Amino acid sequence: MNGDQSIKKWILGMGQKAKVLGPETLKKDIEKEMRQMLQHYLE
């Protein structure tokens, strides 16, 4: 697991307590991951 993956895992593990302020690419990656997770529950 590289540094980016570790950061993403940590952010997602914090759930609603975390808010990504930047960089923009990280915000987009987290948003994409969360949308994919939500799709599992909406199906």
N, C-alpha and C. Protein backbone atom coordinates (compact mmCIF):
# COMPACT_ATOMS: atom_id res chain seq x y z
N MET A 1 0.86 -1.17 0.00
CA MET A 1 0.00 0.00 0.00
C MET A 1 0.91 1.24 0.00
N ASN A 2 0.70 2.13 -0.95
CA ASN A 2 1.53 3.33 -0.99
C ASN A 2 0.92 4.43 -0.12
N GLY A 3 1.58 5.58 -0.07
CA GLY A 3 1.13 6.67 0.78
C GLY A 3 -0.27 7.16 0.46
N ASP A 4 -0.57 7.29 -0.84
CA ASP A 4 -1.90 7.76 -1.24
C ASP A 4 -2.99 6.81 -0.79
N GLN A 5 -2.74 5.52 -0.95
CA GLN A 5 -3.74 4.53 -0.54
C GLN A 5 -3.92 4.55 0.97
N SER A 6 -2.85 4.74 1.71
CA SER A 6 -2.94 4.80 3.17
C SER A 6 -3.77 5.99 3.62
N ILE A 7 -3.56 7.13 2.97
CA ILE A 7 -4.31 8.34 3.31
C ILE A 7 -5.79 8.14 3.01
N LYS A 8 -6.09 7.58 1.85
CA LYS A 8 -7.49 7.34 1.47
C LYS A 8 -8.15 6.38 2.46
N LYS A 9 -7.44 5.33 2.83
CA LYS A 9 -7.98 4.36 3.78
C LYS A 9 -8.27 5.03 5.12
N TRP A 10 -7.37 5.88 5.57
CA TRP A 10 -7.55 6.58 6.84
C TRP A 10 -8.77 7.51 6.76
N ILE A 11 -8.88 8.28 5.68
CA ILE A 11 -9.99 9.22 5.51
C ILE A 11 -11.32 8.46 5.50
N LEU A 12 -11.39 7.39 4.71
CA LEU A 12 -12.63 6.63 4.62
C LEU A 12 -12.96 5.96 5.96
N GLY A 13 -11.94 5.58 6.70
CA GLY A 13 -12.15 4.98 8.01
C GLY A 13 -12.71 5.95 9.03
N MET A 14 -12.44 7.23 8.84
CA MET A 14 -12.94 8.26 9.75
C MET A 14 -14.41 8.58 9.47
N GLY A 15 -14.90 8.16 8.31
CA GLY A 15 -16.31 8.37 7.98
C GLY A 15 -16.68 9.84 7.94
N GLN A 16 -17.84 10.15 8.48
CA GLN A 16 -18.35 11.52 8.42
C GLN A 16 -17.57 12.50 9.28
N LYS A 17 -16.66 12.00 10.09
CA LYS A 17 -15.85 12.89 10.94
C LYS A 17 -14.73 13.55 10.16
N ALA A 18 -14.44 13.05 8.95
CA ALA A 18 -13.37 13.59 8.13
C ALA A 18 -13.93 14.43 7.00
N LYS A 19 -13.22 15.50 6.69
CA LYS A 19 -13.57 16.33 5.54
C LYS A 19 -12.28 16.65 4.81
N VAL A 20 -12.22 16.28 3.54
CA VAL A 20 -11.01 16.52 2.74
C VAL A 20 -11.07 17.94 2.21
N LEU A 21 -10.08 18.73 2.57
CA LEU A 21 -10.02 20.12 2.12
C LEU A 21 -9.15 20.27 0.88
N GLY A 22 -8.24 19.38 0.67
CA GLY A 22 -7.37 19.44 -0.50
C GLY A 22 -6.34 18.34 -0.42
N PRO A 23 -5.62 18.12 -1.45
CA PRO A 23 -5.74 18.73 -2.77
C PRO A 23 -6.99 18.25 -3.51
N GLU A 24 -7.32 18.95 -4.56
CA GLU A 24 -8.55 18.68 -5.31
C GLU A 24 -8.59 17.25 -5.84
N THR A 25 -7.44 16.73 -6.25
CA THR A 25 -7.42 15.35 -6.78
C THR A 25 -7.79 14.35 -5.69
N LEU A 26 -7.36 14.57 -4.48
CA LEU A 26 -7.71 13.69 -3.38
C LEU A 26 -9.20 13.79 -3.08
N LYS A 27 -9.74 15.00 -3.10
CA LYS A 27 -11.18 15.19 -2.88
C LYS A 27 -11.98 14.41 -3.91
N LYS A 28 -11.57 14.48 -5.17
CA LYS A 28 -12.28 13.78 -6.24
C LYS A 28 -12.18 12.27 -6.06
N ASP A 29 -11.00 11.78 -5.68
CA ASP A 29 -10.82 10.34 -5.46
C ASP A 29 -11.71 9.84 -4.33
N ILE A 30 -11.79 10.58 -3.24
CA ILE A 30 -12.61 10.19 -2.10
C ILE A 30 -14.08 10.23 -2.49
N GLU A 31 -14.49 11.27 -3.22
CA GLU A 31 -15.88 11.37 -3.67
C GLU A 31 -16.25 10.18 -4.55
N LYS A 32 -15.36 9.82 -5.47
CA LYS A 32 -15.62 8.69 -6.37
C LYS A 32 -15.77 7.40 -5.56
N GLU A 33 -14.87 7.18 -4.61
CA GLU A 33 -14.92 5.98 -3.78
C GLU A 33 -16.22 5.92 -2.98
N MET A 34 -16.63 7.05 -2.42
CA MET A 34 -17.85 7.09 -1.61
C MET A 34 -19.10 6.84 -2.47
N ARG A 35 -19.10 7.38 -3.68
CA ARG A 35 -20.24 7.14 -4.57
C ARG A 35 -20.35 5.66 -4.94
N GLN A 36 -19.20 5.02 -5.18
CA GLN A 36 -19.19 3.60 -5.49
C GLN A 36 -19.69 2.79 -4.29
N MET A 37 -19.28 3.17 -3.09
CA MET A 37 -19.74 2.49 -1.88
C MET A 37 -21.25 2.64 -1.74
N LEU A 38 -21.76 3.83 -1.96
CA LEU A 38 -23.19 4.09 -1.82
C LEU A 38 -23.99 3.27 -2.82
N GLN A 39 -23.47 3.07 -4.02
CA GLN A 39 -24.16 2.30 -5.04
C GLN A 39 -24.47 0.88 -4.55
N HIS A 40 -23.58 0.32 -3.73
CA HIS A 40 -23.80 -1.03 -3.20
C HIS A 40 -25.08 -1.09 -2.36
N TYR A 41 -25.40 0.01 -1.69
CA TYR A 41 -26.57 0.04 -0.82
C TYR A 41 -27.85 0.48 -1.54
N LEU A 42 -27.68 1.13 -2.68
CA LEU A 42 -28.83 1.59 -3.43
C LEU A 42 -29.35 0.55 -4.41
N GLU A 43 -28.55 -0.47 -4.66
CA GLU A 43 -28.95 -1.51 -5.62
C GLU A 43 -29.94 -2.47 -5.00
